[in-house]
Amino acid sequence: ILVVAEILWCWEISNKTTYFVDIFIAAVLALIVANV
């Protein structure tokens, strides 16, 4: 989960959009995993 969150965070930065920081992305991914 941490690796995926950081990859998405890096992708945001490379596209000059920083709406969702890595800690935010990790939380959302964890919530999805916990409920699926």
PDB file of all heavy atoms in Angstrom:
ATOM      1  N   ILE A   1       0.841  -1.201   0.000  1.00  0.00           N
ATOM      2  CA  ILE A   1       0.000   0.000   0.000  1.00  0.00           C
ATOM      3  C   ILE A   1       0.871   1.244   0.000  1.00  0.00           C
ATOM      4  O   ILE A   1       0.616   2.221  -0.724  1.00  0.00           O
ATOM      5  CB  ILE A   1      -0.949  -0.003   1.211  1.00  0.00           C
ATOM      6  CG1 ILE A   1      -2.008  -1.100   1.055  1.00  0.00           C
ATOM      7  CG2 ILE A   1      -1.625   1.362   1.378  1.00  0.00           C
ATOM      8  CD1 ILE A   1      -2.921  -1.254   2.250  1.00  0.00           C
ATOM      9  N   LEU A   2       1.924   1.226   0.802  1.00  0.00           N
ATOM     10  CA  LEU A   2       2.827   2.367   0.891  1.00  0.00           C
ATOM     11  C   LEU A   2       3.513   2.624  -0.449  1.00  0.00           C
ATOM     12  O   LEU A   2       3.622   3.778  -0.892  1.00  0.00           O
ATOM     13  CB  LEU A   2       3.871   2.106   1.978  1.00  0.00           C
ATOM     14  CG  LEU A   2       4.761   3.269   2.405  1.00  0.00           C
ATOM     15  CD1 LEU A   2       3.934   4.419   2.939  1.00  0.00           C
ATOM     16  CD2 LEU A   2       5.764   2.804   3.448  1.00  0.00           C
ATOM     17  N   VAL A   3       3.948   1.568  -1.108  1.00  0.00           N
ATOM     18  CA  VAL A   3       4.621   1.711  -2.403  1.00  0.00           C
ATOM     19  C   VAL A   3       3.682   2.308  -3.445  1.00  0.00           C
ATOM     20  O   VAL A   3       4.055   3.226  -4.193  1.00  0.00           O
ATOM     21  CB  VAL A   3       5.167   0.349  -2.881  1.00  0.00           C
ATOM     22  CG1 VAL A   3       5.624   0.434  -4.331  1.00  0.00           C
ATOM     23  CG2 VAL A   3       6.309  -0.118  -1.988  1.00  0.00           C
ATOM     24  N   VAL A   4       2.455   1.797  -3.501  1.00  0.00           N
ATOM     25  CA  VAL A   4       1.478   2.327  -4.466  1.00  0.00           C
ATOM     26  C   VAL A   4       1.179   3.796  -4.174  1.00  0.00           C
ATOM     27  O   VAL A   4       1.101   4.627  -5.093  1.00  0.00           O
ATOM     28  CB  VAL A   4       0.180   1.493  -4.438  1.00  0.00           C
ATOM     29  CG1 VAL A   4      -0.887   2.142  -5.314  1.00  0.00           C
ATOM     30  CG2 VAL A   4       0.450   0.069  -4.905  1.00  0.00           C
ATOM     31  N   ALA A   5       1.030   4.137  -2.890  1.00  0.00           N
ATOM     32  CA  ALA A   5       0.756   5.528  -2.512  1.00  0.00           C
ATOM     33  C   ALA A   5       1.887   6.444  -2.954  1.00  0.00           C
ATOM     34  O   ALA A   5       1.646   7.543  -3.485  1.00  0.00           O
ATOM     35  CB  ALA A   5       0.540   5.637  -1.006  1.00  0.00           C
ATOM     36  N   GLU A   6       3.120   6.020  -2.750  1.00  0.00           N
ATOM     37  CA  GLU A   6       4.261   6.854  -3.131  1.00  0.00           C
ATOM     38  C   GLU A   6       4.381   6.980  -4.649  1.00  0.00           C
ATOM     39  O   GLU A   6       4.750   8.035  -5.168  1.00  0.00           O
ATOM     40  CB  GLU A   6       5.554   6.278  -2.541  1.00  0.00           C
ATOM     41  CG  GLU A   6       5.613   6.275  -1.024  1.00  0.00           C
ATOM     42  CD  GLU A   6       5.448   7.653  -0.413  1.00  0.00           C
ATOM     43  OE1 GLU A   6       5.765   8.658  -1.066  1.00  0.00           O
ATOM     44  OE2 GLU A   6       4.991   7.724   0.746  1.00  0.00           O
ATOM     45  N   ILE A   7       4.076   5.898  -5.376  1.00  0.00           N
ATOM     46  CA  ILE A   7       4.108   5.967  -6.840  1.00  0.00           C
ATOM     47  C   ILE A   7       3.084   6.979  -7.353  1.00  0.00           C
ATOM     48  O   ILE A   7       3.374   7.809  -8.229  1.00  0.00           O
ATOM     49  CB  ILE A   7       3.848   4.574  -7.445  1.00  0.00           C
ATOM     50  CG1 ILE A   7       5.048   3.652  -7.181  1.00  0.00           C
ATOM     51  CG2 ILE A   7       3.589   4.676  -8.956  1.00  0.00           C
ATOM     52  CD1 ILE A   7       4.822   2.217  -7.609  1.00  0.00           C
ATOM     53  N   LEU A   8       1.873   6.932  -6.804  1.00  0.00           N
ATOM     54  CA  LEU A   8       0.829   7.883  -7.210  1.00  0.00           C
ATOM     55  C   LEU A   8       1.211   9.313  -6.827  1.00  0.00           C
ATOM     56  O   LEU A   8       0.933  10.257  -7.571  1.00  0.00           O
ATOM     57  CB  LEU A   8      -0.507   7.489  -6.574  1.00  0.00           C
ATOM     58  CG  LEU A   8      -1.126   6.179  -7.075  1.00  0.00           C
ATOM     59  CD1 LEU A   8      -2.374   5.825  -6.266  1.00  0.00           C
ATOM     60  CD2 LEU A   8      -1.476   6.294  -8.556  1.00  0.00           C
ATOM     61  N   TRP A   9       1.819   9.465  -5.668  1.00  0.00           N
ATOM     62  CA  TRP A   9       2.270  10.782  -5.209  1.00  0.00           C
ATOM     63  C   TRP A   9       3.344  11.326  -6.149  1.00  0.00           C
ATOM     64  O   TRP A   9       3.327  12.494  -6.544  1.00  0.00           O
ATOM     65  CB  TRP A   9       2.789  10.644  -3.788  1.00  0.00           C
ATOM     66  CG  TRP A   9       3.474  11.805  -3.134  1.00  0.00           C
ATOM     67  CD1 TRP A   9       4.630  11.766  -2.424  1.00  0.00           C
ATOM     68  CD2 TRP A   9       3.039  13.168  -3.061  1.00  0.00           C
ATOM     69  NE1 TRP A   9       4.949  13.009  -1.931  1.00  0.00           N
ATOM     70  CE2 TRP A   9       3.990  13.886  -2.303  1.00  0.00           C
ATOM     71  CE3 TRP A   9       1.941  13.863  -3.574  1.00  0.00           C
ATOM     72  CZ2 TRP A   9       3.883  15.246  -2.050  1.00  0.00           C
ATOM     73  CZ3 TRP A   9       1.835  15.238  -3.315  1.00  0.00           C
ATOM     74  CH2 TRP A   9       2.795  15.911  -2.566  1.00  0.00           C
ATOM     75  N   CYS A  10       4.284  10.469  -6.559  1.00  0.00           N
ATOM     76  CA  CYS A  10       5.320  10.879  -7.514  1.00  0.00           C
ATOM     77  C   CYS A  10       4.709  11.254  -8.861  1.00  0.00           C
ATOM     78  O   CYS A  10       5.156  12.210  -9.520  1.00  0.00           O
ATOM     79  CB  CYS A  10       6.340   9.750  -7.699  1.00  0.00           C
ATOM     80  SG  CYS A  10       7.383   9.442  -6.261  1.00  0.00           S
ATOM     81  N   TRP A  11       3.707  10.505  -9.257  1.00  0.00           N
ATOM     82  CA  TRP A  11       3.028  10.808 -10.528  1.00  0.00           C
ATOM     83  C   TRP A  11       2.360  12.179 -10.459  1.00  0.00           C
ATOM     84  O   TRP A  11       2.421  12.954 -11.416  1.00  0.00           O
ATOM     85  CB  TRP A  11       1.988   9.728 -10.829  1.00  0.00           C
ATOM     86  CG  TRP A  11       1.195  10.009 -12.070  1.00  0.00           C
ATOM     87  CD1 TRP A  11       1.538   9.751 -13.365  1.00  0.00           C
ATOM     88  CD2 TRP A  11      -0.105  10.627 -12.128  1.00  0.00           C
ATOM     89  NE1 TRP A  11       0.559  10.165 -14.226  1.00  0.00           N
ATOM     90  CE2 TRP A  11      -0.471  10.711 -13.499  1.00  0.00           C
ATOM     91  CE3 TRP A  11      -0.984  11.111 -11.166  1.00  0.00           C
ATOM     92  CZ2 TRP A  11      -1.678  11.265 -13.910  1.00  0.00           C
ATOM     93  CZ3 TRP A  11      -2.181  11.666 -11.577  1.00  0.00           C
ATOM     94  CH2 TRP A  11      -2.523  11.736 -12.935  1.00  0.00           C
ATOM     95  N   GLU A  12       1.744  12.498  -9.320  1.00  0.00           N
ATOM     96  CA  GLU A  12       1.140  13.824  -9.151  1.00  0.00           C
ATOM     97  C   GLU A  12       2.182  14.925  -9.303  1.00  0.00           C
ATOM     98  O   GLU A  12       1.958  15.910 -10.010  1.00  0.00           O
ATOM     99  CB  GLU A  12       0.508  13.930  -7.754  1.00  0.00           C
ATOM    100  CG  GLU A  12      -0.872  13.341  -7.610  1.00  0.00           C
ATOM    101  CD  GLU A  12      -1.503  13.790  -6.308  1.00  0.00           C
ATOM    102  OE1 GLU A  12      -2.107  14.871  -6.281  1.00  0.00           O
ATOM    103  OE2 GLU A  12      -1.385  13.055  -5.321  1.00  0.00           O
ATOM    104  N   ILE A  13       3.294  14.740  -8.626  1.00  0.00           N
ATOM    105  CA  ILE A  13       4.338  15.759  -8.654  1.00  0.00           C
ATOM    106  C   ILE A  13       4.877  15.948 -10.067  1.00  0.00           C
ATOM    107  O   ILE A  13       5.115  17.077 -10.520  1.00  0.00           O
ATOM    108  CB  ILE A  13       5.471  15.377  -7.690  1.00  0.00           C
ATOM    109  CG1 ILE A  13       4.953  15.397  -6.246  1.00  0.00           C
ATOM    110  CG2 ILE A  13       6.648  16.326  -7.837  1.00  0.00           C
ATOM    111  CD1 ILE A  13       5.920  14.831  -5.250  1.00  0.00           C
ATOM    112  N   SER A  14       5.071  14.840 -10.775  1.00  0.00           N
ATOM    113  CA  SER A  14       5.593  14.925 -12.139  1.00  0.00           C
ATOM    114  C   SER A  14       4.629  15.653 -13.067  1.00  0.00           C
ATOM    115  O   SER A  14       5.031  16.248 -14.058  1.00  0.00           O
ATOM    116  CB  SER A  14       5.883  13.528 -12.683  1.00  0.00           C
ATOM    117  OG  SER A  14       4.681  12.786 -12.843  1.00  0.00           O
ATOM    118  N   ASN A  15       3.335  15.623 -12.724  1.00  0.00           N
ATOM    119  CA  ASN A  15       2.318  16.321 -13.506  1.00  0.00           C
ATOM    120  C   ASN A  15       1.953  17.676 -12.910  1.00  0.00           C
ATOM    121  O   ASN A  15       0.961  18.292 -13.307  1.00  0.00           O
ATOM    122  CB  ASN A  15       1.068  15.453 -13.629  1.00  0.00           C
ATOM    123  CG  ASN A  15       1.257  14.301 -14.589  1.00  0.00           C
ATOM    124  OD1 ASN A  15       1.102  14.439 -15.787  1.00  0.00           O
ATOM    125  ND2 ASN A  15       1.611  13.134 -14.046  1.00  0.00           N
ATOM    126  N   LYS A  16       2.765  18.095 -11.915  1.00  0.00           N
ATOM    127  CA  LYS A  16       2.579  19.406 -11.273  1.00  0.00           C
ATOM    128  C   LYS A  16       1.189  19.571 -10.664  1.00  0.00           C
ATOM    129  O   LYS A  16       0.576  20.639 -10.727  1.00  0.00           O
ATOM    130  CB  LYS A  16       2.872  20.543 -12.258  1.00  0.00           C
ATOM    131  CG  LYS A  16       4.326  20.564 -12.726  1.00  0.00           C
ATOM    132  CD  LYS A  16       4.580  21.722 -13.674  1.00  0.00           C
ATOM    133  CE  LYS A  16       6.055  21.864 -13.968  1.00  0.00           C
ATOM    134  NZ  LYS A  16       6.689  20.669 -14.525  1.00  0.00           N
ATOM    135  N   THR A  17       0.665  18.490 -10.076  1.00  0.00           N
ATOM    136  CA  THR A  17      -0.575  18.555  -9.309  1.00  0.00           C
ATOM    137  C   THR A  17      -0.317  17.904  -7.965  1.00  0.00           C
ATOM    138  O   THR A  17       0.143  16.773  -7.893  1.00  0.00           O
ATOM    139  CB  THR A  17      -1.719  17.805 -10.013  1.00  0.00           C
ATOM    140  OG1 THR A  17      -1.319  16.445 -10.221  1.00  0.00           O
ATOM    141  CG2 THR A  17      -2.058  18.444 -11.333  1.00  0.00           C
ATOM    142  N   THR A  18      -0.562  18.642  -6.882  1.00  0.00           N
ATOM    143  CA  THR A  18      -0.305  18.103  -5.545  1.00  0.00           C
ATOM    144  C   THR A  18      -1.565  18.219  -4.691  1.00  0.00           C
ATOM    145  O   THR A  18      -1.547  18.769  -3.602  1.00  0.00           O
ATOM    146  CB  THR A  18       0.858  18.843  -4.872  1.00  0.00           C
ATOM    147  OG1 THR A  18       0.568  20.265  -4.860  1.00  0.00           O
ATOM    148  CG2 THR A  18       2.145  18.629  -5.616  1.00  0.00           C
ATOM    149  N   TYR A  19      -2.660  17.689  -5.203  1.00  0.00           N
ATOM    150  CA  TYR A  19      -3.913  17.757  -4.463  1.00  0.00           C
ATOM    151  C   TYR A  19      -3.930  16.762  -3.299  1.00  0.00           C
ATOM    152  O   TYR A  19      -4.464  17.034  -2.238  1.00  0.00           O
ATOM    153  CB  TYR A  19      -5.098  17.444  -5.387  1.00  0.00           C
ATOM    154  CG  TYR A  19      -5.288  18.435  -6.512  1.00  0.00           C
ATOM    155  CD1 TYR A  19      -5.887  18.058  -7.697  1.00  0.00           C
ATOM    156  CD2 TYR A  19      -4.871  19.747  -6.375  1.00  0.00           C
ATOM    157  CE1 TYR A  19      -6.068  18.955  -8.729  1.00  0.00           C
ATOM    158  CE2 TYR A  19      -5.047  20.662  -7.403  1.00  0.00           C
ATOM    159  CZ  TYR A  19      -5.652  20.258  -8.582  1.00  0.00           C
ATOM    160  OH  TYR A  19      -5.830  21.154  -9.600  1.00  0.00           O
ATOM    161  N   PHE A  20      -3.366  15.593  -3.521  1.00  0.00           N
ATOM    162  CA  PHE A  20      -3.467  14.524  -2.535  1.00  0.00           C
ATOM    163  C   PHE A  20      -2.069  14.030  -2.185  1.00  0.00           C
ATOM    164  O   PHE A  20      -1.423  13.352  -2.980  1.00  0.00           O
ATOM    165  CB  PHE A  20      -4.316  13.369  -3.080  1.00  0.00           C
ATOM    166  CG  PHE A  20      -5.664  13.807  -3.566  1.00  0.00           C
ATOM    167  CD1 PHE A  20      -5.988  13.734  -4.899  1.00  0.00           C
ATOM    168  CD2 PHE A  20      -6.599  14.299  -2.678  1.00  0.00           C
ATOM    169  CE1 PHE A  20      -7.235  14.141  -5.353  1.00  0.00           C
ATOM    170  CE2 PHE A  20      -7.842  14.719  -3.120  1.00  0.00           C
ATOM    171  CZ  PHE A  20      -8.165  14.640  -4.458  1.00  0.00           C
ATOM    172  N   VAL A  21      -1.603  14.354  -0.986  1.00  0.00           N
ATOM    173  CA  VAL A  21      -0.275  13.956  -0.558  1.00  0.00           C
ATOM    174  C   VAL A  21      -0.263  12.459  -0.264  1.00  0.00           C
ATOM    175  O   VAL A  21      -1.305  11.819  -0.141  1.00  0.00           O
ATOM    176  CB  VAL A  21       0.129  14.782   0.682  1.00  0.00           C
ATOM    177  CG1 VAL A  21      -0.650  14.348   1.903  1.00  0.00           C
ATOM    178  CG2 VAL A  21       1.619  14.722   0.917  1.00  0.00           C
ATOM    179  N   ASP A  22       0.942  11.892  -0.129  1.00  0.00           N
ATOM    180  CA  ASP A  22       1.069  10.445   0.015  1.00  0.00           C
ATOM    181  C   ASP A  22       0.319   9.883   1.218  1.00  0.00           C
ATOM    182  O   ASP A  22      -0.263   8.788   1.154  1.00  0.00           O
ATOM    183  CB  ASP A  22       2.551  10.031   0.080  1.00  0.00           C
ATOM    184  CG  ASP A  22       3.357  10.865   1.056  1.00  0.00           C
ATOM    185  OD1 ASP A  22       2.799  11.785   1.668  1.00  0.00           O
ATOM    186  OD2 ASP A  22       4.576  10.588   1.189  1.00  0.00           O
ATOM    187  N   ILE A  23       0.299  10.592   2.320  1.00  0.00           N
ATOM    188  CA  ILE A  23      -0.400  10.102   3.511  1.00  0.00           C
ATOM    189  C   ILE A  23      -1.909  10.003   3.263  1.00  0.00           C
ATOM    190  O   ILE A  23      -2.587   9.093   3.737  1.00  0.00           O
ATOM    191  CB  ILE A  23      -0.083  10.997   4.733  1.00  0.00           C
ATOM    192  CG1 ILE A  23      -0.577  10.346   6.024  1.00  0.00           C
ATOM    193  CG2 ILE A  23      -0.686  12.383   4.570  1.00  0.00           C
ATOM    194  CD1 ILE A  23      -0.115  11.093   7.255  1.00  0.00           C
ATOM    195  N   PHE A  24      -2.432  10.946   2.483  1.00  0.00           N
ATOM    196  CA  PHE A  24      -3.850  10.920   2.094  1.00  0.00           C
ATOM    197  C   PHE A  24      -4.141   9.705   1.209  1.00  0.00           C
ATOM    198  O   PHE A  24      -5.098   8.962   1.426  1.00  0.00           O
ATOM    199  CB  PHE A  24      -4.169  12.212   1.344  1.00  0.00           C
ATOM    200  CG  PHE A  24      -5.591  12.333   0.848  1.00  0.00           C
ATOM    201  CD1 PHE A  24      -6.488  13.155   1.491  1.00  0.00           C
ATOM    202  CD2 PHE A  24      -6.025  11.633  -0.272  1.00  0.00           C
ATOM    203  CE1 PHE A  24      -7.802  13.280   1.030  1.00  0.00           C
ATOM    204  CE2 PHE A  24      -7.320  11.743  -0.740  1.00  0.00           C
ATOM    205  CZ  PHE A  24      -8.205  12.575  -0.083  1.00  0.00           C
ATOM    206  N   ILE A  25      -3.280   9.494   0.216  1.00  0.00           N
ATOM    207  CA  ILE A  25      -3.481   8.381  -0.718  1.00  0.00           C
ATOM    208  C   ILE A  25      -3.393   7.051   0.015  1.00  0.00           C
ATOM    209  O   ILE A  25      -4.198   6.137  -0.223  1.00  0.00           O
ATOM    210  CB  ILE A  25      -2.441   8.449  -1.848  1.00  0.00           C
ATOM    211  CG1 ILE A  25      -2.571   9.767  -2.622  1.00  0.00           C
ATOM    212  CG2 ILE A  25      -2.600   7.263  -2.801  1.00  0.00           C
ATOM    213  CD1 ILE A  25      -1.433  10.020  -3.598  1.00  0.00           C
ATOM    214  N   ALA A  26      -2.425   6.922   0.915  1.00  0.00           N
ATOM    215  CA  ALA A  26      -2.277   5.677   1.679  1.00  0.00           C
ATOM    216  C   ALA A  26      -3.519   5.395   2.513  1.00  0.00           C
ATOM    217  O   ALA A  26      -3.961   4.237   2.616  1.00  0.00           O
ATOM    218  CB  ALA A  26      -1.043   5.772   2.583  1.00  0.00           C
ATOM    219  N   ALA A  27      -4.106   6.432   3.104  1.00  0.00           N
ATOM    220  CA  ALA A  27      -5.315   6.246   3.914  1.00  0.00           C
ATOM    221  C   ALA A  27      -6.466   5.730   3.060  1.00  0.00           C
ATOM    222  O   ALA A  27      -7.192   4.802   3.456  1.00  0.00           O
ATOM    223  CB  ALA A  27      -5.698   7.570   4.583  1.00  0.00           C
ATOM    224  N   VAL A  28      -6.655   6.323   1.893  1.00  0.00           N
ATOM    225  CA  VAL A  28      -7.750   5.901   1.011  1.00  0.00           C
ATOM    226  C   VAL A  28      -7.542   4.464   0.539  1.00  0.00           C
ATOM    227  O   VAL A  28      -8.467   3.651   0.537  1.00  0.00           O
ATOM    228  CB  VAL A  28      -7.867   6.860  -0.194  1.00  0.00           C
ATOM    229  CG1 VAL A  28      -8.889   6.343  -1.200  1.00  0.00           C
ATOM    230  CG2 VAL A  28      -8.248   8.262   0.286  1.00  0.00           C
ATOM    231  N   LEU A  29      -6.320   4.133   0.143  1.00  0.00           N
ATOM    232  CA  LEU A  29      -6.032   2.771  -0.312  1.00  0.00           C
ATOM    233  C   LEU A  29      -6.272   1.750   0.806  1.00  0.00           C
ATOM    234  O   LEU A  29      -6.827   0.675   0.571  1.00  0.00           O
ATOM    235  CB  LEU A  29      -4.582   2.672  -0.799  1.00  0.00           C
ATOM    236  CG  LEU A  29      -4.242   3.425  -2.088  1.00  0.00           C
ATOM    237  CD1 LEU A  29      -2.744   3.342  -2.367  1.00  0.00           C
ATOM    238  CD2 LEU A  29      -5.025   2.867  -3.264  1.00  0.00           C
ATOM    239  N   ALA A  30      -5.847   2.095   2.023  1.00  0.00           N
ATOM    240  CA  ALA A  30      -6.048   1.184   3.154  1.00  0.00           C
ATOM    241  C   ALA A  30      -7.527   0.979   3.453  1.00  0.00           C
ATOM    242  O   ALA A  30      -7.961  -0.140   3.768  1.00  0.00           O
ATOM    243  CB  ALA A  30      -5.316   1.714   4.388  1.00  0.00           C
ATOM    244  N   LEU A  31      -8.312   2.038   3.367  1.00  0.00           N
ATOM    245  CA  LEU A  31      -9.751   1.921   3.584  1.00  0.00           C
ATOM    246  C   LEU A  31     -10.393   1.011   2.537  1.00  0.00           C
ATOM    247  O   LEU A  31     -11.279   0.208   2.850  1.00  0.00           O
ATOM    248  CB  LEU A  31     -10.406   3.302   3.549  1.00  0.00           C
ATOM    249  CG  LEU A  31     -10.140   4.209   4.754  1.00  0.00           C
ATOM    250  CD1 LEU A  31     -10.653   5.625   4.481  1.00  0.00           C
ATOM    251  CD2 LEU A  31     -10.794   3.651   6.009  1.00  0.00           C
ATOM    252  N   ILE A  32      -9.936   1.118   1.299  1.00  0.00           N
ATOM    253  CA  ILE A  32     -10.457   0.264   0.233  1.00  0.00           C
ATOM    254  C   ILE A  32     -10.114  -1.202   0.510  1.00  0.00           C
ATOM    255  O   ILE A  32     -10.973  -2.087   0.427  1.00  0.00           O
ATOM    256  CB  ILE A  32      -9.895   0.702  -1.133  1.00  0.00           C
ATOM    257  CG1 ILE A  32     -10.440   2.089  -1.506  1.00  0.00           C
ATOM    258  CG2 ILE A  32     -10.259  -0.319  -2.220  1.00  0.00           C
ATOM    259  CD1 ILE A  32      -9.799   2.687  -2.737  1.00  0.00           C
ATOM    260  N   VAL A  33      -8.852  -1.458   0.854  1.00  0.00           N
ATOM    261  CA  VAL A  33      -8.423  -2.834   1.134  1.00  0.00           C
ATOM    262  C   VAL A  33      -9.203  -3.411   2.309  1.00  0.00           C
ATOM    263  O   VAL A  33      -9.655  -4.565   2.271  1.00  0.00           O
ATOM    264  CB  VAL A  33      -6.904  -2.863   1.428  1.00  0.00           C
ATOM    265  CG1 VAL A  33      -6.486  -4.234   1.961  1.00  0.00           C
ATOM    266  CG2 VAL A  33      -6.114  -2.532   0.172  1.00  0.00           C
ATOM    267  N   ALA A  34      -9.373  -2.617   3.370  1.00  0.00           N
ATOM    268  CA  ALA A  34     -10.065  -3.106   4.565  1.00  0.00           C
ATOM    269  C   ALA A  34     -11.511  -3.479   4.283  1.00  0.00           C
ATOM    270  O   ALA A  34     -12.066  -4.368   4.943  1.00  0.00           O
ATOM    271  CB  ALA A  34     -10.003  -2.047   5.664  1.00  0.00           C
ATOM    272  N   ASN A  35     -12.124  -2.834   3.305  1.00  0.00           N
ATOM    273  CA  ASN A  35     -13.544  -3.063   3.042  1.00  0.00           C
ATOM    274  C   ASN A  35     -13.814  -3.952   1.831  1.00  0.00           C
ATOM    275  O   ASN A  35     -14.963  -4.255   1.533  1.00  0.00           O
ATOM    276  CB  ASN A  35     -14.258  -1.716   2.872  1.00  0.00           C
ATOM    277  CG  ASN A  35     -14.397  -0.970   4.171  1.00  0.00           C
ATOM    278  OD1 ASN A  35     -15.309  -1.230   4.939  1.00  0.00           O
ATOM    279  ND2 ASN A  35     -13.476  -0.053   4.440  1.00  0.00           N
ATOM    280  N   VAL A  36     -12.752  -4.376   1.155  1.00  0.00           N
ATOM    281  CA  VAL A  36     -12.906  -5.281   0.013  1.00  0.00           C
ATOM    282  C   VAL A  36     -12.365  -6.669   0.330  1.00  0.00           C
ATOM    283  O   VAL A  36     -12.925  -7.682  -0.094  1.00  0.00           O
ATOM    284  CB  VAL A  36     -12.193  -4.705  -1.232  1.00  0.00           C
ATOM    285  CG1 VAL A  36     -12.218  -5.716  -2.379  1.00  0.00           C
ATOM    286  CG2 VAL A  36     -12.863  -3.398  -1.671  1.00  0.00           C
TER     287      VAL A  36
END
